[in-house]
């Protein structure tokens, strides 16, 4: 039986080579780098530390880069912005991209940071429906609106051209809307001499869900990216969407990854919730080829413990599949 692959996400919480070595020792196979927050060049010291840790542990340094793609994010903030439910703020209080500003009309809701914060446009201002602390470069979604943006930004193309230099082994394309998005990324990879780099298609919106059958032949792995996917569909329906995507991938013989909030409570706690463990276990039972942690390892307090928990849960699920018993 082929083992499920385990990925973490690089970030300040695991910038120490010793921590990265412990993560490898706990069962991590590779890492994701989110290029919505940095560049390969800016992250060169961290990538050097990652490669050194992999070498020390006798592992191949698998590196997935998550492009910006058509995802919408706010710009940089001078400091985190605290928003309280019931208050009103000006539209200019948050550095929205122009595509969002041009789409705002009265009554339009906005979901920020994977839906953790919720706003609504009212009389030229923004009413805070669900508050919290907003940090720079967090995602923004407009439920019910389709905003046309290119599959690759100029920055994405620059990162692809530098990918070989930094040892990139796979590219994750966000918010895939159709096969043309994947063909554009693959063409950019081929132009850069990276035809052997794997292509992961992230399903994060209704367009991606609807286009799934046509995407399967043009990628190496489907990513069930539940953060923004949970903004695109009602949360109560998200598990059914995940199950349907998994079933379609199994039927087509296409690998898939499950990601987002797998062990979210471990960002600041040394133990997971029972629900989180069950979630990971069931992802493996559904046939996931890989599972991935994001904030738990990038900015969390217990990156190595989170990887250990992920590893132990995945292996327990694999054991159950081999010999199910009470």
C-alpha atoms as a PDB file:
ATOM      1  CA  UNK A   1       0.000   0.000   0.000  1.00  0.00           C
ATOM      2  CA  UNK A   2       1.326   3.433  -0.995  1.00  0.00           C
ATOM      3  CA  UNK A   3       1.836   5.721   2.009  1.00  0.00           C
ATOM      4  CA  UNK A   4      -0.002   9.043   2.182  1.00  0.00           C
ATOM      5  CA  UNK A   5       2.397  11.978   1.763  1.00  0.00           C
ATOM      6  CA  UNK A   6       2.633  14.575   4.550  1.00  0.00           C
ATOM      7  CA  UNK A   7       3.330  18.235   3.812  1.00  0.00           C
ATOM      8  CA  UNK A   8       3.848  21.224   6.074  1.00  0.00           C
ATOM      9  CA  UNK A   9       3.969  24.900   5.131  1.00  0.00           C
ATOM     10  CA  UNK A  10       7.146  26.937   5.504  1.00  0.00           C
ATOM     11  CA  UNK A  11       7.019  30.093   7.595  1.00  0.00           C
ATOM     12  CA  UNK A  12       8.574  31.901  10.542  1.00  0.00           C
ATOM     13  CA  UNK A  13       7.512  29.211  13.028  1.00  0.00           C
ATOM     14  CA  UNK A  14       9.758  26.631  11.334  1.00  0.00           C
ATOM     15  CA  UNK A  15      12.616  28.799  10.089  1.00  0.00           C
ATOM     16  CA  UNK A  16      15.107  27.172  12.500  1.00  0.00           C
ATOM     17  CA  UNK A  17      16.913  24.231  10.822  1.00  0.00           C
ATOM     18  CA  UNK A  18      16.607  22.220  14.044  1.00  0.00           C
ATOM     19  CA  UNK A  19      12.825  22.598  14.011  1.00  0.00           C
ATOM     20  CA  UNK A  20      12.743  21.554  10.362  1.00  0.00           C
ATOM     21  CA  UNK A  21      14.871  18.515  11.213  1.00  0.00           C
ATOM     22  CA  UNK A  22      12.399  17.574  13.953  1.00  0.00           C
ATOM     23  CA  UNK A  23       9.524  17.952  11.481  1.00  0.00           C
ATOM     24  CA  UNK A  24      11.254  15.576   9.068  1.00  0.00           C
ATOM     25  CA  UNK A  25      11.959  13.198  11.942  1.00  0.00           C
ATOM     26  CA  UNK A  26       8.266  13.276  12.874  1.00  0.00           C
ATOM     27  CA  UNK A  27       7.258  12.130   9.404  1.00  0.00           C
ATOM     28  CA  UNK A  28       7.076  15.176   7.115  1.00  0.00           C
ATOM     29  CA  UNK A  29       7.787  14.428   3.440  1.00  0.00           C
ATOM     30  CA  UNK A  30       7.857  17.937   1.972  1.00  0.00           C
ATOM     31  CA  UNK A  31       6.738  21.535   2.307  1.00  0.00           C
ATOM     32  CA  UNK A  32       4.578  24.140   0.657  1.00  0.00           C
ATOM     33  CA  UNK A  33       5.664  27.757   0.268  1.00  0.00           C
ATOM     34  CA  UNK A  34       2.889  30.312  -0.141  1.00  0.00           C
ATOM     35  CA  UNK A  35       4.076  32.882  -2.686  1.00  0.00           C
ATOM     36  CA  UNK A  36       1.164  35.198  -1.891  1.00  0.00           C
ATOM     37  CA  UNK A  37       3.240  36.322   1.101  1.00  0.00           C
ATOM     38  CA  UNK A  38       6.819  36.125  -0.149  1.00  0.00           C
ATOM     39  CA  UNK A  39       9.056  35.254  -3.121  1.00  0.00           C
ATOM     40  CA  UNK A  40      11.601  32.521  -3.698  1.00  0.00           C
ATOM     41  CA  UNK A  41      14.402  35.058  -3.631  1.00  0.00           C
ATOM     42  CA  UNK A  42      13.233  36.627  -0.362  1.00  0.00           C
ATOM     43  CA  UNK A  43      12.933  33.165   1.153  1.00  0.00           C
ATOM     44  CA  UNK A  44      16.348  31.922   0.040  1.00  0.00           C
ATOM     45  CA  UNK A  45      17.744  31.633   3.622  1.00  0.00           C
ATOM     46  CA  UNK A  46      14.679  29.646   4.719  1.00  0.00           C
ATOM     47  CA  UNK A  47      14.948  27.383   1.683  1.00  0.00           C
ATOM     48  CA  UNK A  48      18.646  26.834   2.414  1.00  0.00           C
ATOM     49  CA  UNK A  49      17.703  25.811   5.958  1.00  0.00           C
ATOM     50  CA  UNK A  50      15.034  23.480   4.601  1.00  0.00           C
ATOM     51  CA  UNK A  51      17.415  21.761   2.196  1.00  0.00           C
ATOM     52  CA  UNK A  52      20.034  21.409   4.943  1.00  0.00           C
ATOM     53  CA  UNK A  53      17.456  19.818   7.250  1.00  0.00           C
ATOM     54  CA  UNK A  54      16.356  17.401   4.530  1.00  0.00           C
ATOM     55  CA  UNK A  55      19.962  16.405   3.867  1.00  0.00           C
ATOM     56  CA  UNK A  56      20.620  15.869   7.588  1.00  0.00           C
ATOM     57  CA  UNK A  57      17.590  13.553   7.737  1.00  0.00           C
ATOM     58  CA  UNK A  58      18.399  11.733   4.504  1.00  0.00           C
ATOM     59  CA  UNK A  59      15.240  12.959   2.755  1.00  0.00           C
ATOM     60  CA  UNK A  60      14.590  14.505  -0.624  1.00  0.00           C
ATOM     61  CA  UNK A  61      13.547  18.170  -0.142  1.00  0.00           C
ATOM     62  CA  UNK A  62      10.161  18.178  -1.895  1.00  0.00           C
ATOM     63  CA  UNK A  63       9.109  21.799  -2.440  1.00  0.00           C
ATOM     64  CA  UNK A  64       5.635  22.887  -3.570  1.00  0.00           C
ATOM     65  CA  UNK A  65       5.114  26.535  -4.444  1.00  0.00           C
ATOM     66  CA  UNK A  66       1.621  27.959  -4.140  1.00  0.00           C
ATOM     67  CA  UNK A  67       1.241  30.683  -6.774  1.00  0.00           C
ATOM     68  CA  UNK A  68      -0.834  33.844  -6.412  1.00  0.00           C
ATOM     69  CA  UNK A  69      -2.935  33.058  -9.474  1.00  0.00           C
ATOM     70  CA  UNK A  70      -6.399  34.595  -9.672  1.00  0.00           C
ATOM     71  CA  UNK A  71      -6.830  34.631  -5.891  1.00  0.00           C
ATOM     72  CA  UNK A  72      -7.887  37.995  -4.459  1.00  0.00           C
ATOM     73  CA  UNK A  73      -6.079  39.305  -1.378  1.00  0.00           C
ATOM     74  CA  UNK A  74      -5.933  42.583   0.469  1.00  0.00           C
ATOM     75  CA  UNK A  75      -2.717  44.587   0.338  1.00  0.00           C
ATOM     76  CA  UNK A  76      -0.260  45.275   3.164  1.00  0.00           C
ATOM     77  CA  UNK A  77      -1.418  46.864   6.421  1.00  0.00           C
ATOM     78  CA  UNK A  78       0.848  49.049   8.549  1.00  0.00           C
ATOM     79  CA  UNK A  79      -0.372  47.033  11.543  1.00  0.00           C
ATOM     80  CA  UNK A  80      -3.067  44.407  12.201  1.00  0.00           C
ATOM     81  CA  UNK A  81      -6.578  45.853  12.059  1.00  0.00           C
ATOM     82  CA  UNK A  82      -9.004  44.923  14.844  1.00  0.00           C
ATOM     83  CA  UNK A  83     -12.621  44.836  13.690  1.00  0.00           C
ATOM     84  CA  UNK A  84     -15.597  44.503  16.031  1.00  0.00           C
ATOM     85  CA  UNK A  85     -18.995  43.136  15.044  1.00  0.00           C
ATOM     86  CA  UNK A  86     -21.500  45.977  14.739  1.00  0.00           C
ATOM     87  CA  UNK A  87     -19.026  48.733  13.889  1.00  0.00           C
ATOM     88  CA  UNK A  88     -18.780  50.513  10.541  1.00  0.00           C
ATOM     89  CA  UNK A  89     -15.577  51.383   8.712  1.00  0.00           C
ATOM     90  CA  UNK A  90     -14.707  53.190   5.522  1.00  0.00           C
ATOM     91  CA  UNK A  91     -13.927  51.196   2.408  1.00  0.00           C
ATOM     92  CA  UNK A  92     -10.465  52.779   2.353  1.00  0.00           C
ATOM     93  CA  UNK A  93      -9.648  51.364   5.810  1.00  0.00           C
ATOM     94  CA  UNK A  94      -8.683  48.095   4.102  1.00  0.00           C
ATOM     95  CA  UNK A  95      -6.365  48.004   1.050  1.00  0.00           C
ATOM     96  CA  UNK A  96      -8.621  46.072  -1.306  1.00  0.00           C
ATOM     97  CA  UNK A  97      -7.426  45.292  -4.843  1.00  0.00           C
ATOM     98  CA  UNK A  98      -9.090  47.370  -7.553  1.00  0.00           C
ATOM     99  CA  UNK A  99     -10.988  44.325  -8.847  1.00  0.00           C
ATOM    100  CA  UNK A 100     -12.803  44.130  -5.497  1.00  0.00           C
ATOM    101  CA  UNK A 101     -13.437  47.863  -5.234  1.00  0.00           C
ATOM    102  CA  UNK A 102     -14.970  47.988  -8.699  1.00  0.00           C
ATOM    103  CA  UNK A 103     -17.299  45.091  -7.829  1.00  0.00           C
ATOM    104  CA  UNK A 104     -18.635  46.525  -4.549  1.00  0.00           C
ATOM    105  CA  UNK A 105     -22.304  47.420  -4.551  1.00  0.00           C
ATOM    106  CA  UNK A 106     -24.779  48.014  -1.756  1.00  0.00           C
ATOM    107  CA  UNK A 107     -25.584  44.759   0.033  1.00  0.00           C
ATOM    108  CA  UNK A 108     -22.495  42.888  -1.209  1.00  0.00           C
ATOM    109  CA  UNK A 109     -20.904  40.710   1.465  1.00  0.00           C
ATOM    110  CA  UNK A 110     -17.147  40.221   1.781  1.00  0.00           C
ATOM    111  CA  UNK A 111     -15.396  37.291   3.433  1.00  0.00           C
ATOM    112  CA  UNK A 112     -11.851  37.918   4.658  1.00  0.00           C
ATOM    113  CA  UNK A 113      -9.131  35.511   5.810  1.00  0.00           C
ATOM    114  CA  UNK A 114     -10.897  32.307   4.709  1.00  0.00           C
ATOM    115  CA  UNK A 115     -14.199  33.629   6.028  1.00  0.00           C
ATOM    116  CA  UNK A 116     -13.009  34.369   9.546  1.00  0.00           C
ATOM    117  CA  UNK A 117     -14.224  37.956   9.121  1.00  0.00           C
ATOM    118  CA  UNK A 118     -17.426  39.010   7.361  1.00  0.00           C
ATOM    119  CA  UNK A 119     -18.319  42.503   6.129  1.00  0.00           C
ATOM    120  CA  UNK A 120     -21.185  43.987   4.115  1.00  0.00           C
ATOM    121  CA  UNK A 121     -21.281  47.054   1.896  1.00  0.00           C
ATOM    122  CA  UNK A 122     -23.897  49.509   3.233  1.00  0.00           C
ATOM    123  CA  UNK A 123     -24.447  53.127   2.185  1.00  0.00           C
ATOM    124  CA  UNK A 124     -20.894  53.598   0.938  1.00  0.00           C
ATOM    125  CA  UNK A 125     -19.257  52.027   3.992  1.00  0.00           C
ATOM    126  CA  UNK A 126     -18.587  48.579   5.397  1.00  0.00           C
ATOM    127  CA  UNK A 127     -20.578  47.058   8.249  1.00  0.00           C
ATOM    128  CA  UNK A 128     -18.692  44.448  10.276  1.00  0.00           C
ATOM    129  CA  UNK A 129     -20.877  41.363  10.639  1.00  0.00           C
ATOM    130  CA  UNK A 130     -18.230  39.040  12.052  1.00  0.00           C
ATOM    131  CA  UNK A 131     -15.195  40.655  13.612  1.00  0.00           C
ATOM    132  CA  UNK A 132     -11.650  39.674  14.379  1.00  0.00           C
ATOM    133  CA  UNK A 133      -8.072  40.750  13.730  1.00  0.00           C
ATOM    134  CA  UNK A 134      -7.185  41.291  10.077  1.00  0.00           C
ATOM    135  CA  UNK A 135      -3.566  41.003   8.963  1.00  0.00           C
ATOM    136  CA  UNK A 136      -1.830  41.897   5.710  1.00  0.00           C
ATOM    137  CA  UNK A 137      -2.306  39.914   2.506  1.00  0.00           C
ATOM    138  CA  UNK A 138      -5.290  37.897   3.721  1.00  0.00           C
ATOM    139  CA  UNK A 139      -7.781  36.470   1.236  1.00  0.00           C
ATOM    140  CA  UNK A 140     -10.952  38.294   0.227  1.00  0.00           C
ATOM    141  CA  UNK A 141     -13.980  36.710  -1.430  1.00  0.00           C
ATOM    142  CA  UNK A 142     -17.241  38.202  -2.686  1.00  0.00           C
ATOM    143  CA  UNK A 143     -19.948  35.524  -2.402  1.00  0.00           C
ATOM    144  CA  UNK A 144     -22.157  35.403  -5.467  1.00  0.00           C
ATOM    145  CA  UNK A 145     -19.794  37.447  -7.640  1.00  0.00           C
ATOM    146  CA  UNK A 146     -17.441  36.242 -10.350  1.00  0.00           C
ATOM    147  CA  UNK A 147     -14.437  38.487 -10.870  1.00  0.00           C
ATOM    148  CA  UNK A 148     -12.314  37.851 -13.949  1.00  0.00           C
ATOM    149  CA  UNK A 149      -8.577  37.807 -13.317  1.00  0.00           C
ATOM    150  CA  UNK A 150      -5.696  36.176 -15.235  1.00  0.00           C
ATOM    151  CA  UNK A 151      -4.597  32.639 -14.353  1.00  0.00           C
ATOM    152  CA  UNK A 152      -1.005  33.803 -13.800  1.00  0.00           C
ATOM    153  CA  UNK A 153       0.239  37.150 -12.547  1.00  0.00           C
ATOM    154  CA  UNK A 154       3.497  38.655 -13.781  1.00  0.00           C
ATOM    155  CA  UNK A 155       4.957  37.744 -10.390  1.00  0.00           C
ATOM    156  CA  UNK A 156       3.852  34.116 -10.867  1.00  0.00           C
ATOM    157  CA  UNK A 157       5.637  33.937 -14.213  1.00  0.00           C
ATOM    158  CA  UNK A 158       8.793  35.355 -12.663  1.00  0.00           C
ATOM    159  CA  UNK A 159       8.640  32.753  -9.882  1.00  0.00           C
ATOM    160  CA  UNK A 160       8.194  29.923 -12.378  1.00  0.00           C
ATOM    161  CA  UNK A 161      11.270  31.108 -14.288  1.00  0.00           C
ATOM    162  CA  UNK A 162      13.281  30.891 -11.049  1.00  0.00           C
ATOM    163  CA  UNK A 163      11.763  27.621  -9.843  1.00  0.00           C
ATOM    164  CA  UNK A 164      14.569  25.319 -10.993  1.00  0.00           C
ATOM    165  CA  UNK A 165      17.166  27.443  -9.225  1.00  0.00           C
ATOM    166  CA  UNK A 166      15.398  26.893  -5.900  1.00  0.00           C
ATOM    167  CA  UNK A 167      14.612  23.201  -6.294  1.00  0.00           C
ATOM    168  CA  UNK A 168      10.853  23.448  -6.831  1.00  0.00           C
ATOM    169  CA  UNK A 169       9.314  20.020  -7.408  1.00  0.00           C
ATOM    170  CA  UNK A 170       5.633  20.980  -7.800  1.00  0.00           C
ATOM    171  CA  UNK A 171       3.481  24.026  -8.522  1.00  0.00           C
ATOM    172  CA  UNK A 172       0.067  24.629  -6.962  1.00  0.00           C
ATOM    173  CA  UNK A 173      -2.325  26.680  -9.077  1.00  0.00           C
ATOM    174  CA  UNK A 174      -5.017  28.404  -6.973  1.00  0.00           C
ATOM    175  CA  UNK A 175      -8.653  28.979  -7.910  1.00  0.00           C
ATOM    176  CA  UNK A 176      -8.578  26.827 -11.032  1.00  0.00           C
ATOM    177  CA  UNK A 177     -11.634  27.702 -13.104  1.00  0.00           C
ATOM    178  CA  UNK A 178     -11.147  25.460 -16.139  1.00  0.00           C
ATOM    179  CA  UNK A 179      -8.593  23.482 -18.087  1.00  0.00           C
ATOM    180  CA  UNK A 180      -7.311  26.633 -19.814  1.00  0.00           C
ATOM    181  CA  UNK A 181      -5.884  27.790 -16.473  1.00  0.00           C
ATOM    182  CA  UNK A 182      -3.916  24.565 -16.173  1.00  0.00           C
ATOM    183  CA  UNK A 183      -2.786  24.653 -19.798  1.00  0.00           C
ATOM    184  CA  UNK A 184      -1.454  28.185 -19.227  1.00  0.00           C
ATOM    185  CA  UNK A 185       0.531  27.106 -16.174  1.00  0.00           C
ATOM    186  CA  UNK A 186       1.854  24.020 -17.925  1.00  0.00           C
ATOM    187  CA  UNK A 187       2.956  26.126 -20.900  1.00  0.00           C
ATOM    188  CA  UNK A 188       4.830  28.469 -18.549  1.00  0.00           C
ATOM    189  CA  UNK A 189       6.521  25.478 -16.898  1.00  0.00           C
ATOM    190  CA  UNK A 190       7.499  24.008 -20.259  1.00  0.00           C
ATOM    191  CA  UNK A 191       8.900  27.351 -21.405  1.00  0.00           C
ATOM    192  CA  UNK A 192      11.053  27.391 -18.261  1.00  0.00           C
ATOM    193  CA  UNK A 193      12.331  23.861 -18.965  1.00  0.00           C
ATOM    194  CA  UNK A 194      10.297  22.410 -16.103  1.00  0.00           C
ATOM    195  CA  UNK A 195       8.211  19.779 -17.847  1.00  0.00           C
ATOM    196  CA  UNK A 196       8.966  17.317 -15.024  1.00  0.00           C
ATOM    197  CA  UNK A 197       7.570  19.614 -12.314  1.00  0.00           C
ATOM    198  CA  UNK A 198       4.232  18.343 -11.013  1.00  0.00           C
ATOM    199  CA  UNK A 199       1.095  20.492 -11.288  1.00  0.00           C
ATOM    200  CA  UNK A 200      -1.462  20.619  -8.469  1.00  0.00           C
ATOM    201  CA  UNK A 201      -4.904  22.080  -9.264  1.00  0.00           C
ATOM    202  CA  UNK A 202      -6.556  23.760  -6.273  1.00  0.00           C
ATOM    203  CA  UNK A 203     -10.358  23.545  -6.194  1.00  0.00           C
ATOM    204  CA  UNK A 204     -11.511  26.661  -4.337  1.00  0.00           C
ATOM    205  CA  UNK A 205     -14.641  27.941  -6.092  1.00  0.00           C
ATOM    206  CA  UNK A 206     -17.820  26.750  -7.786  1.00  0.00           C
ATOM    207  CA  UNK A 207     -16.235  27.112 -11.233  1.00  0.00           C
ATOM    208  CA  UNK A 208     -13.554  24.629 -10.222  1.00  0.00           C
ATOM    209  CA  UNK A 209     -16.130  22.203  -8.845  1.00  0.00           C
ATOM    210  CA  UNK A 210     -18.160  22.330 -12.051  1.00  0.00           C
ATOM    211  CA  UNK A 211     -15.077  22.001 -14.267  1.00  0.00           C
ATOM    212  CA  UNK A 212     -13.539  19.123 -12.284  1.00  0.00           C
ATOM    213  CA  UNK A 213     -14.044  16.350 -14.906  1.00  0.00           C
ATOM    214  CA  UNK A 214     -12.276  18.457 -17.530  1.00  0.00           C
ATOM    215  CA  UNK A 215      -9.394  19.290 -15.155  1.00  0.00           C
ATOM    216  CA  UNK A 216      -8.411  15.746 -14.234  1.00  0.00           C
ATOM    217  CA  UNK A 217      -6.382  14.946 -17.400  1.00  0.00           C
ATOM    218  CA  UNK A 218      -4.358  18.168 -17.153  1.00  0.00           C
ATOM    219  CA  UNK A 219      -2.943  18.028 -13.630  1.00  0.00           C
ATOM    220  CA  UNK A 220      -0.984  15.588 -11.504  1.00  0.00           C
ATOM    221  CA  UNK A 221      -3.007  16.109  -8.352  1.00  0.00           C
ATOM    222  CA  UNK A 222      -6.250  17.795  -7.290  1.00  0.00           C
ATOM    223  CA  UNK A 223      -6.166  19.891  -4.111  1.00  0.00           C
ATOM    224  CA  UNK A 224      -9.359  20.071  -2.061  1.00  0.00           C
ATOM    225  CA  UNK A 225      -8.578  23.516  -0.621  1.00  0.00           C
ATOM    226  CA  UNK A 226     -11.263  23.918   1.994  1.00  0.00           C
ATOM    227  CA  UNK A 227     -10.495  27.479   3.061  1.00  0.00           C
ATOM    228  CA  UNK A 228     -11.900  29.415   0.136  1.00  0.00           C
ATOM    229  CA  UNK A 229     -14.008  26.450  -0.912  1.00  0.00           C
ATOM    230  CA  UNK A 230     -15.841  26.963   2.366  1.00  0.00           C
ATOM    231  CA  UNK A 231     -16.578  30.525   1.258  1.00  0.00           C
ATOM    232  CA  UNK A 232     -17.865  29.389  -2.132  1.00  0.00           C
ATOM    233  CA  UNK A 233     -20.408  26.914  -0.726  1.00  0.00           C
ATOM    234  CA  UNK A 234     -22.326  26.884   2.567  1.00  0.00           C
ATOM    235  CA  UNK A 235     -20.132  25.347   5.264  1.00  0.00           C
ATOM    236  CA  UNK A 236     -22.720  22.673   5.999  1.00  0.00           C
ATOM    237  CA  UNK A 237     -22.365  21.507   2.378  1.00  0.00           C
ATOM    238  CA  UNK A 238     -18.552  21.548   2.305  1.00  0.00           C
ATOM    239  CA  UNK A 239     -18.132  17.928   3.519  1.00  0.00           C
ATOM    240  CA  UNK A 240     -20.412  16.692   0.715  1.00  0.00           C
ATOM    241  CA  UNK A 241     -18.406  18.692  -1.847  1.00  0.00           C
ATOM    242  CA  UNK A 242     -15.177  17.213  -0.477  1.00  0.00           C
ATOM    243  CA  UNK A 243     -16.629  13.696  -0.714  1.00  0.00           C
ATOM    244  CA  UNK A 244     -17.776  14.235  -4.309  1.00  0.00           C
ATOM    245  CA  UNK A 245     -14.395  15.588  -5.417  1.00  0.00           C
ATOM    246  CA  UNK A 246     -12.644  12.660  -3.721  1.00  0.00           C
ATOM    247  CA  UNK A 247     -14.959  10.173  -5.416  1.00  0.00           C
ATOM    248  CA  UNK A 248     -14.393  11.752  -8.845  1.00  0.00           C
ATOM    249  CA  UNK A 249     -10.624  11.578  -8.333  1.00  0.00           C
ATOM    250  CA  UNK A 250     -10.775   7.934  -7.251  1.00  0.00           C
ATOM    251  CA  UNK A 251     -12.879   7.016 -10.272  1.00  0.00           C
ATOM    252  CA  UNK A 252     -10.437   8.774 -12.616  1.00  0.00           C
ATOM    253  CA  UNK A 253      -7.340   7.399 -10.890  1.00  0.00           C
ATOM    254  CA  UNK A 254      -6.168  10.929 -10.075  1.00  0.00           C
ATOM    255  CA  UNK A 255      -4.338  11.706  -6.801  1.00  0.00           C
ATOM    256  CA  UNK A 256      -5.839  14.292  -4.496  1.00  0.00           C
ATOM    257  CA  UNK A 257      -4.741  16.325  -1.482  1.00  0.00           C
ATOM    258  CA  UNK A 258      -6.827  17.517   1.453  1.00  0.00           C
ATOM    259  CA  UNK A 259      -5.761  20.823   3.005  1.00  0.00           C
ATOM    260  CA  UNK A 260      -6.870  23.642   5.335  1.00  0.00           C
ATOM    261  CA  UNK A 261      -7.571  23.519   9.070  1.00  0.00           C
ATOM    262  CA  UNK A 262      -6.725  19.825   9.394  1.00  0.00           C
ATOM    263  CA  UNK A 263      -5.240  20.508  12.841  1.00  0.00           C
ATOM    264  CA  UNK A 264      -6.110  24.186  13.195  1.00  0.00           C
ATOM    265  CA  UNK A 265      -6.397  24.113  16.999  1.00  0.00           C
ATOM    266  CA  UNK A 266      -2.748  23.018  17.163  1.00  0.00           C
ATOM    267  CA  UNK A 267      -1.719  26.442  15.918  1.00  0.00           C
ATOM    268  CA  UNK A 268      -1.800  27.453  19.587  1.00  0.00           C
ATOM    269  CA  UNK A 269      -2.452  24.190  21.463  1.00  0.00           C
ATOM    270  CA  UNK A 270      -0.189  21.135  21.839  1.00  0.00           C
ATOM    271  CA  UNK A 271      -3.048  18.677  21.268  1.00  0.00           C
ATOM    272  CA  UNK A 272      -5.725  18.518  18.548  1.00  0.00           C
ATOM    273  CA  UNK A 273      -9.459  18.232  18.930  1.00  0.00           C
ATOM    274  CA  UNK A 274     -11.127  14.866  18.475  1.00  0.00           C
ATOM    275  CA  UNK A 275     -12.949  16.264  15.468  1.00  0.00           C
ATOM    276  CA  UNK A 276      -9.672  17.244  13.784  1.00  0.00           C
ATOM    277  CA  UNK A 277      -8.185  13.778  14.259  1.00  0.00           C
ATOM    278  CA  UNK A 278     -11.353  12.240  12.808  1.00  0.00           C
ATOM    279  CA  UNK A 279     -11.159  14.643   9.857  1.00  0.00           C
ATOM    280  CA  UNK A 280      -7.604  13.580   8.998  1.00  0.00           C
ATOM    281  CA  UNK A 281      -8.447   9.900   9.493  1.00  0.00           C
ATOM    282  CA  UNK A 282     -11.439  10.114   7.179  1.00  0.00           C
ATOM    283  CA  UNK A 283      -9.459  11.986   4.509  1.00  0.00           C
ATOM    284  CA  UNK A 284      -7.131   8.989   4.340  1.00  0.00           C
ATOM    285  CA  UNK A 285     -10.062   6.561   4.242  1.00  0.00           C
ATOM    286  CA  UNK A 286     -11.478   8.564   1.329  1.00  0.00           C
ATOM    287  CA  UNK A 287      -8.268   7.919  -0.604  1.00  0.00           C
ATOM    288  CA  UNK A 288      -6.196  11.100  -0.175  1.00  0.00           C
ATOM    289  CA  UNK A 289      -2.710  10.747  -1.657  1.00  0.00           C
ATOM    290  CA  UNK A 290      -1.439  13.549   0.572  1.00  0.00           C
ATOM    291  CA  UNK A 291      -2.502  15.828   3.404  1.00  0.00           C
ATOM    292  CA  UNK A 292      -1.108  19.251   4.171  1.00  0.00           C
ATOM    293  CA  UNK A 293      -0.806  21.574   7.151  1.00  0.00           C
ATOM    294  CA  UNK A 294      -0.774  25.337   6.595  1.00  0.00           C
ATOM    295  CA  UNK A 295      -0.805  27.810   9.498  1.00  0.00           C
ATOM    296  CA  UNK A 296      -0.138  25.018  11.995  1.00  0.00           C
ATOM    297  CA  UNK A 297       3.488  24.812  10.815  1.00  0.00           C
ATOM    298  CA  UNK A 298       3.973  28.232   9.192  1.00  0.00           C
ATOM    299  CA  UNK A 299       2.988  30.411  12.147  1.00  0.00           C
ATOM    300  CA  UNK A 300       1.961  27.979  14.887  1.00  0.00           C
ATOM    301  CA  UNK A 301       3.484  27.359  18.286  1.00  0.00           C
ATOM    302  CA  UNK A 302       3.956  23.602  17.821  1.00  0.00           C
ATOM    303  CA  UNK A 303       4.995  22.873  14.221  1.00  0.00           C
ATOM    304  CA  UNK A 304       6.819  19.631  15.031  1.00  0.00           C
ATOM    305  CA  UNK A 305       4.047  18.344  17.322  1.00  0.00           C
ATOM    306  CA  UNK A 306       1.482  19.111  14.612  1.00  0.00           C
ATOM    307  CA  UNK A 307       3.456  17.029  12.112  1.00  0.00           C
ATOM    308  CA  UNK A 308       3.754  14.219  14.671  1.00  0.00           C
ATOM    309  CA  UNK A 309      -0.012  14.225  15.218  1.00  0.00           C
ATOM    310  CA  UNK A 310      -0.633  14.250  11.468  1.00  0.00           C
ATOM    311  CA  UNK A 311       1.783  11.364  10.947  1.00  0.00           C
ATOM    312  CA  UNK A 312       0.341   9.240  13.750  1.00  0.00           C
ATOM    313  CA  UNK A 313      -3.230   9.794  12.587  1.00  0.00           C
ATOM    314  CA  UNK A 314      -2.428   9.042   8.941  1.00  0.00           C
ATOM    315  CA  UNK A 315      -0.593   5.847   9.836  1.00  0.00           C
ATOM    316  CA  UNK A 316      -3.469   4.758  12.100  1.00  0.00           C
ATOM    317  CA  UNK A 317      -5.860   5.269   9.196  1.00  0.00           C
ATOM    318  CA  UNK A 318      -3.611   3.319   6.866  1.00  0.00           C
ATOM    319  CA  UNK A 319      -3.468   0.485   9.419  1.00  0.00           C
ATOM    320  CA  UNK A 320      -7.272   0.491   9.604  1.00  0.00           C
ATOM    321  CA  UNK A 321      -7.503   0.248   5.830  1.00  0.00           C
ATOM    322  CA  UNK A 322      -5.129  -2.715   5.858  1.00  0.00           C
ATOM    323  CA  UNK A 323      -6.962  -4.568   8.634  1.00  0.00           C
ATOM    324  CA  UNK A 324     -10.143  -2.868   9.860  1.00  0.00           C
ATOM    325  CA  UNK A 325     -11.139  -4.009  13.340  1.00  0.00           C
ATOM    326  CA  UNK A 326     -12.867  -2.724  16.450  1.00  0.00           C
END
